[in-house]
Amino acid sequence: MAEHANASPFGEHESLDPTQERSRAIDPTMSIVDAIYARRSVRGYLDKEIPAEVLNRVFEVAQMSPSNCNVQPWKVYVASGPLKDRLRAQMVENTVNRVEPNPDYPYRGTFEGEYRQRQVDCAVALYNNMGIARDDKEGRLRAIVRNFEFFDAPYIAFLGMNPAFGTTVALDVGMYAQSLMLAMVAFGIYSCPMGTMRNYPDMVRDAFGIEDETKILFGLSFGYEDTSVPANKTRTEREKISTSVVFRSN
């Protein structure tokens, strides 16, 4: 039997709840391709709140990310206002006083060959825009501290998962983060994924009262871009797909 032309895609007796209907009403029209090309790491934000309905919708969209057996392993903790300010002050103090980081997950920051070259090229592009010379130790320290100031973002998100999942499922958290960043771009919001946010996970657990086994993987500062910040002029190139993609048919 042919489906009725006006049948609901959610089934005969199902429909979107009013909250979802309102959320969809504010969705932007930007294509996924445009969002991918527009996304970049932003390191300077306006002191401007994101409307609650927009903030909620962005995270609703990101929740649709794929995951192994649909376990949805990500845990996300978003700080703003006084809580964000307190975390910022604590992390800056630890960094300036050279308190040893105690990340939940180890980070291997050594890159070699072509990967090292891309890392250097990225740093050179960023530091040039920030006016930091290679021998400017004070300027480089200031650049490091900016990470723990969350680049003045009004929001900082910490992403984690239960370590029992292991590396394979950690990839799902990465896919979630990409979905989240692209959804943000579509709504005119920018972000910066930050590995440094894993440095002091005990602060995050204390701030959010985390009592389960969740461990912090990384963070994401986000908000509306301040285009006057020199660091935000930084652009990086991508390699041709032939450097990383192999097509074969037999």
C-alpha atoms as a PDB file:
ATOM      1  CA  MET A   1       0.000   0.000   0.000  1.00  0.00           C
ATOM      2  CA  ALA A   2       1.391   3.411  -0.932  1.00  0.00           C
ATOM      3  CA  GLU A   3       2.304   5.752   1.925  1.00  0.00           C
ATOM      4  CA  HIS A   4      -0.122   8.627   2.355  1.00  0.00           C
ATOM      5  CA  ALA A   5       1.320  11.839   0.967  1.00  0.00           C
ATOM      6  CA  ASN A   6       0.753  13.697   4.229  1.00  0.00           C
ATOM      7  CA  ALA A   7       1.952  10.931   6.532  1.00  0.00           C
ATOM      8  CA  SER A   8       4.251  11.964   9.344  1.00  0.00           C
ATOM      9  CA  PRO A   9       7.863  10.770   8.984  1.00  0.00           C
ATOM     10  CA  PHE A  10       7.725   9.913  12.683  1.00  0.00           C
ATOM     11  CA  GLY A  11       4.923   7.376  12.296  1.00  0.00           C
ATOM     12  CA  GLU A  12       1.154   7.456  12.524  1.00  0.00           C
ATOM     13  CA  HIS A  13       1.011   8.238  16.223  1.00  0.00           C
ATOM     14  CA  GLU A  14       4.313  10.078  16.699  1.00  0.00           C
ATOM     15  CA  SER A  15       5.401  13.665  16.224  1.00  0.00           C
ATOM     16  CA  LEU A  16       8.120  16.034  17.319  1.00  0.00           C
ATOM     17  CA  ASP A  17       7.593  17.458  20.761  1.00  0.00           C
ATOM     18  CA  PRO A  18       7.053  21.253  20.976  1.00  0.00           C
ATOM     19  CA  THR A  19      10.639  21.890  22.100  1.00  0.00           C
ATOM     20  CA  GLN A  20      12.079  20.101  19.050  1.00  0.00           C
ATOM     21  CA  GLU A  21       9.679  21.943  16.759  1.00  0.00           C
ATOM     22  CA  ARG A  22      10.820  25.295  18.142  1.00  0.00           C
ATOM     23  CA  SER A  23      14.465  24.230  17.868  1.00  0.00           C
ATOM     24  CA  ARG A  24      14.127  23.267  14.217  1.00  0.00           C
ATOM     25  CA  ALA A  25      12.495  26.605  13.482  1.00  0.00           C
ATOM     26  CA  ILE A  26      15.770  28.420  14.195  1.00  0.00           C
ATOM     27  CA  ASP A  27      17.985  26.115  12.126  1.00  0.00           C
ATOM     28  CA  PRO A  28      20.310  27.915   9.673  1.00  0.00           C
ATOM     29  CA  THR A  29      20.561  27.113   5.958  1.00  0.00           C
ATOM     30  CA  MET A  30      24.342  26.765   5.684  1.00  0.00           C
ATOM     31  CA  SER A  31      25.381  23.590   3.840  1.00  0.00           C
ATOM     32  CA  ILE A  32      27.626  21.005   5.481  1.00  0.00           C
ATOM     33  CA  VAL A  33      30.289  21.672   2.847  1.00  0.00           C
ATOM     34  CA  ASP A  34      30.291  25.391   3.613  1.00  0.00           C
ATOM     35  CA  ALA A  35      30.467  24.684   7.339  1.00  0.00           C
ATOM     36  CA  ILE A  36      33.487  22.418   6.894  1.00  0.00           C
ATOM     37  CA  TYR A  37      35.359  25.041   4.891  1.00  0.00           C
ATOM     38  CA  ALA A  38      34.356  27.838   7.265  1.00  0.00           C
ATOM     39  CA  ARG A  39      35.394  26.057  10.462  1.00  0.00           C
ATOM     40  CA  ARG A  40      38.719  27.111  11.923  1.00  0.00           C
ATOM     41  CA  SER A  41      40.297  27.487  15.349  1.00  0.00           C
ATOM     42  CA  VAL A  42      39.401  30.895  16.758  1.00  0.00           C
ATOM     43  CA  ARG A  43      41.550  32.386  19.509  1.00  0.00           C
ATOM     44  CA  GLY A  44      39.666  35.525  20.501  1.00  0.00           C
ATOM     45  CA  TYR A  45      35.998  36.001  21.393  1.00  0.00           C
ATOM     46  CA  LEU A  46      33.445  38.671  22.104  1.00  0.00           C
ATOM     47  CA  ASP A  47      31.967  38.962  25.577  1.00  0.00           C
ATOM     48  CA  LYS A  48      28.556  37.995  24.247  1.00  0.00           C
ATOM     49  CA  GLU A  49      26.150  35.303  25.382  1.00  0.00           C
ATOM     50  CA  ILE A  50      24.698  32.747  22.998  1.00  0.00           C
ATOM     51  CA  PRO A  51      20.876  32.641  23.184  1.00  0.00           C
ATOM     52  CA  ALA A  52      19.763  29.613  25.195  1.00  0.00           C
ATOM     53  CA  GLU A  53      17.642  28.188  22.374  1.00  0.00           C
ATOM     54  CA  VAL A  54      20.601  28.385  19.985  1.00  0.00           C
ATOM     55  CA  LEU A  55      22.983  26.824  22.501  1.00  0.00           C
ATOM     56  CA  ASN A  56      20.581  23.968  23.164  1.00  0.00           C
ATOM     57  CA  ARG A  57      19.958  23.396  19.466  1.00  0.00           C
ATOM     58  CA  VAL A  58      23.674  23.184  18.679  1.00  0.00           C
ATOM     59  CA  PHE A  59      24.117  20.418  21.240  1.00  0.00           C
ATOM     60  CA  GLU A  60      20.955  18.659  20.041  1.00  0.00           C
ATOM     61  CA  VAL A  61      22.440  18.499  16.550  1.00  0.00           C
ATOM     62  CA  ALA A  62      25.802  17.247  17.802  1.00  0.00           C
ATOM     63  CA  GLN A  63      24.047  14.494  19.748  1.00  0.00           C
ATOM     64  CA  MET A  64      23.170  12.888  16.402  1.00  0.00           C
ATOM     65  CA  SER A  65      26.817  11.909  15.915  1.00  0.00           C
ATOM     66  CA  PRO A  66      27.575   8.242  15.146  1.00  0.00           C
ATOM     67  CA  SER A  67      29.098   5.945  17.738  1.00  0.00           C
ATOM     68  CA  ASN A  68      30.016   2.299  18.133  1.00  0.00           C
ATOM     69  CA  CYS A  69      26.762   0.384  18.783  1.00  0.00           C
ATOM     70  CA  ASN A  70      25.152   3.776  19.495  1.00  0.00           C
ATOM     71  CA  VAL A  71      26.675   3.829  22.976  1.00  0.00           C
ATOM     72  CA  GLN A  72      27.140   7.636  22.752  1.00  0.00           C
ATOM     73  CA  PRO A  73      30.194   7.561  25.046  1.00  0.00           C
ATOM     74  CA  TRP A  74      30.818  11.304  25.227  1.00  0.00           C
ATOM     75  CA  LYS A  75      30.334  13.311  28.391  1.00  0.00           C
ATOM     76  CA  VAL A  76      30.334  17.090  27.969  1.00  0.00           C
ATOM     77  CA  TYR A  77      30.621  19.708  30.703  1.00  0.00           C
ATOM     78  CA  VAL A  78      30.050  23.326  29.678  1.00  0.00           C
ATOM     79  CA  ALA A  79      31.130  26.174  31.948  1.00  0.00           C
ATOM     80  CA  SER A  80      30.190  29.828  31.635  1.00  0.00           C
ATOM     81  CA  GLY A  81      29.813  32.806  33.949  1.00  0.00           C
ATOM     82  CA  PRO A  82      31.431  32.692  37.410  1.00  0.00           C
ATOM     83  CA  LEU A  83      32.243  28.975  37.129  1.00  0.00           C
ATOM     84  CA  LYS A  84      34.146  29.528  33.904  1.00  0.00           C
ATOM     85  CA  ASP A  85      35.966  32.494  35.449  1.00  0.00           C
ATOM     86  CA  ARG A  86      36.979  30.420  38.464  1.00  0.00           C
ATOM     87  CA  LEU A  87      38.318  27.594  36.307  1.00  0.00           C
ATOM     88  CA  ARG A  88      40.197  30.085  34.175  1.00  0.00           C
ATOM     89  CA  ALA A  89      41.850  31.692  37.221  1.00  0.00           C
ATOM     90  CA  GLN A  90      42.834  28.307  38.672  1.00  0.00           C
ATOM     91  CA  MET A  91      44.308  27.030  35.411  1.00  0.00           C
ATOM     92  CA  VAL A  92      46.243  30.229  34.746  1.00  0.00           C
ATOM     93  CA  GLU A  93      47.663  30.145  38.267  1.00  0.00           C
ATOM     94  CA  ASN A  94      48.789  26.541  37.853  1.00  0.00           C
ATOM     95  CA  THR A  95      50.349  27.271  34.475  1.00  0.00           C
ATOM     96  CA  VAL A  96      52.210  30.404  35.557  1.00  0.00           C
ATOM     97  CA  ASN A  97      53.472  28.633  38.678  1.00  0.00           C
ATOM     98  CA  ARG A  98      54.504  25.636  36.553  1.00  0.00           C
ATOM     99  CA  VAL A  99      52.362  23.155  38.463  1.00  0.00           C
ATOM    100  CA  GLU A 100      52.924  19.746  36.881  1.00  0.00           C
ATOM    101  CA  PRO A 101      49.913  18.688  34.765  1.00  0.00           C
ATOM    102  CA  ASN A 102      48.194  15.426  35.687  1.00  0.00           C
ATOM    103  CA  PRO A 103      46.171  14.496  32.576  1.00  0.00           C
ATOM    104  CA  ASP A 104      43.831  11.508  32.684  1.00  0.00           C
ATOM    105  CA  TYR A 105      45.038  10.448  29.252  1.00  0.00           C
ATOM    106  CA  PRO A 106      48.721  10.712  28.206  1.00  0.00           C
ATOM    107  CA  TYR A 107      49.600  12.976  25.314  1.00  0.00           C
ATOM    108  CA  ARG A 108      52.383  12.239  22.885  1.00  0.00           C
ATOM    109  CA  GLY A 109      53.411  15.615  21.522  1.00  0.00           C
ATOM    110  CA  THR A 110      56.383  14.514  19.444  1.00  0.00           C
ATOM    111  CA  PHE A 111      55.896  14.659  15.693  1.00  0.00           C
ATOM    112  CA  GLU A 112      58.457  13.707  13.067  1.00  0.00           C
ATOM    113  CA  GLY A 113      59.008  14.150   9.343  1.00  0.00           C
ATOM    114  CA  GLU A 114      56.142  15.705   7.388  1.00  0.00           C
ATOM    115  CA  TYR A 115      53.978  15.863  10.520  1.00  0.00           C
ATOM    116  CA  ARG A 116      56.599  17.896  12.350  1.00  0.00           C
ATOM    117  CA  GLN A 117      56.841  20.271   9.385  1.00  0.00           C
ATOM    118  CA  ARG A 118      53.093  20.871   9.410  1.00  0.00           C
ATOM    119  CA  GLN A 119      53.227  21.516  13.148  1.00  0.00           C
ATOM    120  CA  VAL A 120      56.005  24.081  12.661  1.00  0.00           C
ATOM    121  CA  ASP A 121      54.212  25.748   9.749  1.00  0.00           C
ATOM    122  CA  CYS A 122      51.090  26.111  11.855  1.00  0.00           C
ATOM    123  CA  ALA A 123      53.010  27.628  14.780  1.00  0.00           C
ATOM    124  CA  VAL A 124      54.880  30.048  12.499  1.00  0.00           C
ATOM    125  CA  ALA A 125      51.634  31.247  10.898  1.00  0.00           C
ATOM    126  CA  LEU A 126      50.003  31.783  14.284  1.00  0.00           C
ATOM    127  CA  TYR A 127      52.959  33.462  15.963  1.00  0.00           C
ATOM    128  CA  ASN A 128      53.568  35.743  12.991  1.00  0.00           C
ATOM    129  CA  ASN A 129      50.025  37.066  13.265  1.00  0.00           C
ATOM    130  CA  MET A 130      50.466  37.497  17.005  1.00  0.00           C
ATOM    131  CA  GLY A 131      53.742  39.395  16.497  1.00  0.00           C
ATOM    132  CA  ILE A 132      55.796  36.862  18.470  1.00  0.00           C
ATOM    133  CA  ALA A 133      59.382  36.348  17.281  1.00  0.00           C
ATOM    134  CA  ARG A 134      61.165  33.013  17.611  1.00  0.00           C
ATOM    135  CA  ASP A 135      63.407  34.286  20.409  1.00  0.00           C
ATOM    136  CA  ASP A 136      60.608  36.078  22.260  1.00  0.00           C
ATOM    137  CA  LYS A 137      60.354  33.818  25.313  1.00  0.00           C
ATOM    138  CA  GLU A 138      58.019  36.165  27.166  1.00  0.00           C
ATOM    139  CA  GLY A 139      55.709  36.382  24.172  1.00  0.00           C
ATOM    140  CA  ARG A 140      55.642  32.609  23.785  1.00  0.00           C
ATOM    141  CA  LEU A 141      54.800  32.148  27.456  1.00  0.00           C
ATOM    142  CA  ARG A 142      52.003  34.653  27.075  1.00  0.00           C
ATOM    143  CA  ALA A 143      50.698  32.668  24.103  1.00  0.00           C
ATOM    144  CA  ILE A 144      50.649  29.515  26.241  1.00  0.00           C
ATOM    145  CA  VAL A 145      48.793  31.287  29.043  1.00  0.00           C
ATOM    146  CA  ARG A 146      46.159  32.453  26.548  1.00  0.00           C
ATOM    147  CA  ASN A 147      45.099  28.816  26.219  1.00  0.00           C
ATOM    148  CA  PHE A 148      44.247  28.673  29.905  1.00  0.00           C
ATOM    149  CA  GLU A 149      42.435  31.997  29.664  1.00  0.00           C
ATOM    150  CA  PHE A 150      40.226  30.154  27.148  1.00  0.00           C
ATOM    151  CA  PHE A 151      41.099  32.937  24.662  1.00  0.00           C
ATOM    152  CA  ASP A 152      38.478  35.071  26.483  1.00  0.00           C
ATOM    153  CA  ALA A 153      35.708  32.751  25.298  1.00  0.00           C
ATOM    154  CA  PRO A 154      32.461  33.065  27.259  1.00  0.00           C
ATOM    155  CA  TYR A 155      32.109  29.274  27.195  1.00  0.00           C
ATOM    156  CA  ILE A 156      34.454  26.362  27.744  1.00  0.00           C
ATOM    157  CA  ALA A 157      33.405  22.744  27.217  1.00  0.00           C
ATOM    158  CA  PHE A 158      35.282  19.758  28.587  1.00  0.00           C
ATOM    159  CA  LEU A 159      34.815  16.458  26.746  1.00  0.00           C
ATOM    160  CA  GLY A 160      35.461  13.130  28.355  1.00  0.00           C
ATOM    161  CA  MET A 161      34.482   9.484  28.551  1.00  0.00           C
ATOM    162  CA  ASN A 162      34.845   6.417  30.712  1.00  0.00           C
ATOM    163  CA  PRO A 163      38.393   5.053  30.120  1.00  0.00           C
ATOM    164  CA  ALA A 164      37.007   1.513  30.029  1.00  0.00           C
ATOM    165  CA  PHE A 165      35.944   2.224  26.438  1.00  0.00           C
ATOM    166  CA  GLY A 166      39.526   2.489  25.213  1.00  0.00           C
ATOM    167  CA  THR A 167      41.030   4.089  22.123  1.00  0.00           C
ATOM    168  CA  THR A 168      38.541   2.705  19.608  1.00  0.00           C
ATOM    169  CA  VAL A 169      35.538   4.337  21.222  1.00  0.00           C
ATOM    170  CA  ALA A 170      37.515   7.515  21.912  1.00  0.00           C
ATOM    171  CA  LEU A 171      37.280   8.030  18.157  1.00  0.00           C
ATOM    172  CA  ASP A 172      33.529   8.424  18.650  1.00  0.00           C
ATOM    173  CA  VAL A 173      34.155  11.353  20.974  1.00  0.00           C
ATOM    174  CA  GLY A 174      36.255  12.903  18.211  1.00  0.00           C
ATOM    175  CA  MET A 175      33.393  12.496  15.740  1.00  0.00           C
ATOM    176  CA  TYR A 176      31.062  14.101  18.265  1.00  0.00           C
ATOM    177  CA  ALA A 177      33.431  17.059  18.615  1.00  0.00           C
ATOM    178  CA  GLN A 178      33.540  17.542  14.840  1.00  0.00           C
ATOM    179  CA  SER A 179      29.748  17.470  14.662  1.00  0.00           C
ATOM    180  CA  LEU A 180      29.593  19.988  17.497  1.00  0.00           C
ATOM    181  CA  MET A 181      32.075  22.388  15.880  1.00  0.00           C
ATOM    182  CA  LEU A 182      30.338  22.236  12.494  1.00  0.00           C
ATOM    183  CA  ALA A 183      26.934  22.804  14.082  1.00  0.00           C
ATOM    184  CA  MET A 184      28.384  25.832  15.850  1.00  0.00           C
ATOM    185  CA  VAL A 185      29.723  27.278  12.599  1.00  0.00           C
ATOM    186  CA  ALA A 186      26.303  26.930  10.983  1.00  0.00           C
ATOM    187  CA  PHE A 187      24.888  29.096  13.770  1.00  0.00           C
ATOM    188  CA  GLY A 188      27.672  31.699  13.482  1.00  0.00           C
ATOM    189  CA  ILE A 189      29.570  30.400  16.514  1.00  0.00           C
ATOM    190  CA  TYR A 190      33.282  29.599  16.438  1.00  0.00           C
ATOM    191  CA  SER A 191      35.448  27.373  18.584  1.00  0.00           C
ATOM    192  CA  CYS A 192      38.927  26.112  19.316  1.00  0.00           C
ATOM    193  CA  PRO A 193      39.603  22.481  20.288  1.00  0.00           C
ATOM    194  CA  MET A 194      42.200  22.496  23.062  1.00  0.00           C
ATOM    195  CA  GLY A 195      44.330  19.565  24.169  1.00  0.00           C
ATOM    196  CA  THR A 196      45.685  21.703  27.025  1.00  0.00           C
ATOM    197  CA  MET A 197      42.314  21.404  28.749  1.00  0.00           C
ATOM    198  CA  ARG A 198      43.266  17.873  29.775  1.00  0.00           C
ATOM    199  CA  ASN A 199      46.116  19.201  31.950  1.00  0.00           C
ATOM    200  CA  TYR A 200      44.207  19.657  35.219  1.00  0.00           C
ATOM    201  CA  PRO A 201      41.202  17.310  35.136  1.00  0.00           C
ATOM    202  CA  ASP A 202      40.736  17.321  38.911  1.00  0.00           C
ATOM    203  CA  MET A 203      39.680  20.966  38.660  1.00  0.00           C
ATOM    204  CA  VAL A 204      36.995  20.011  36.164  1.00  0.00           C
ATOM    205  CA  ARG A 205      35.745  17.141  38.300  1.00  0.00           C
ATOM    206  CA  ASP A 206      35.543  19.412  41.316  1.00  0.00           C
ATOM    207  CA  ALA A 207      33.814  22.211  39.400  1.00  0.00           C
ATOM    208  CA  PHE A 208      31.103  19.931  38.011  1.00  0.00           C
ATOM    209  CA  GLY A 209      30.862  17.494  40.903  1.00  0.00           C
ATOM    210  CA  ILE A 210      31.800  14.568  38.642  1.00  0.00           C
ATOM    211  CA  GLU A 211      31.650  11.403  40.728  1.00  0.00           C
ATOM    212  CA  ASP A 212      31.571   8.698  38.050  1.00  0.00           C
ATOM    213  CA  GLU A 213      34.501   7.250  36.111  1.00  0.00           C
ATOM    214  CA  THR A 214      34.581   9.962  33.438  1.00  0.00           C
ATOM    215  CA  LYS A 215      38.062  11.109  32.443  1.00  0.00           C
ATOM    216  CA  ILE A 216      38.735  14.336  30.538  1.00  0.00           C
ATOM    217  CA  LEU A 217      40.065  14.035  26.982  1.00  0.00           C
ATOM    218  CA  PHE A 218      40.224  17.661  25.805  1.00  0.00           C
ATOM    219  CA  GLY A 219      38.358  20.955  25.836  1.00  0.00           C
ATOM    220  CA  LEU A 220      36.612  23.301  23.445  1.00  0.00           C
ATOM    221  CA  SER A 221      36.423  27.063  23.913  1.00  0.00           C
ATOM    222  CA  PHE A 222      33.608  28.677  21.951  1.00  0.00           C
ATOM    223  CA  GLY A 223      31.575  31.821  21.382  1.00  0.00           C
ATOM    224  CA  TYR A 224      31.222  34.623  18.872  1.00  0.00           C
ATOM    225  CA  GLU A 225      34.472  35.577  17.154  1.00  0.00           C
ATOM    226  CA  ASP A 226      36.246  38.853  17.896  1.00  0.00           C
ATOM    227  CA  THR A 227      37.573  39.655  14.433  1.00  0.00           C
ATOM    228  CA  SER A 228      39.892  42.350  15.827  1.00  0.00           C
ATOM    229  CA  VAL A 229      42.138  39.742  17.494  1.00  0.00           C
ATOM    230  CA  PRO A 230      45.295  39.279  15.348  1.00  0.00           C
ATOM    231  CA  ALA A 231      45.486  35.523  16.016  1.00  0.00           C
ATOM    232  CA  ASN A 232      42.138  35.094  14.254  1.00  0.00           C
ATOM    233  CA  LYS A 233      43.705  36.125  10.957  1.00  0.00           C
ATOM    234  CA  THR A 234      45.671  32.857  10.936  1.00  0.00           C
ATOM    235  CA  ARG A 235      44.895  30.414   8.151  1.00  0.00           C
ATOM    236  CA  THR A 236      46.494  27.033   7.534  1.00  0.00           C
ATOM    237  CA  GLU A 237      46.682  24.976   4.360  1.00  0.00           C
ATOM    238  CA  ARG A 238      45.609  21.403   3.781  1.00  0.00           C
ATOM    239  CA  GLU A 239      47.578  18.846   1.794  1.00  0.00           C
ATOM    240  CA  LYS A 240      46.291  17.416  -1.476  1.00  0.00           C
ATOM    241  CA  ILE A 241      44.183  14.311  -0.857  1.00  0.00           C
ATOM    242  CA  SER A 242      46.789  12.231  -2.689  1.00  0.00           C
ATOM    243  CA  THR A 243      49.035  12.530   0.389  1.00  0.00           C
ATOM    244  CA  SER A 244      46.586  10.635   2.574  1.00  0.00           C
ATOM    245  CA  VAL A 245      43.929   8.939   0.437  1.00  0.00           C
ATOM    246  CA  VAL A 246      44.387   5.831  -1.712  1.00  0.00           C
ATOM    247  CA  PHE A 247      41.757   4.808  -4.275  1.00  0.00           C
ATOM    248  CA  ARG A 248      41.859   1.251  -5.680  1.00  0.00           C
ATOM    249  CA  SER A 249      39.387  -0.894  -7.535  1.00  0.00           C
ATOM    250  CA  ASN A 250      41.277  -4.197  -7.787  1.00  0.00           C
END
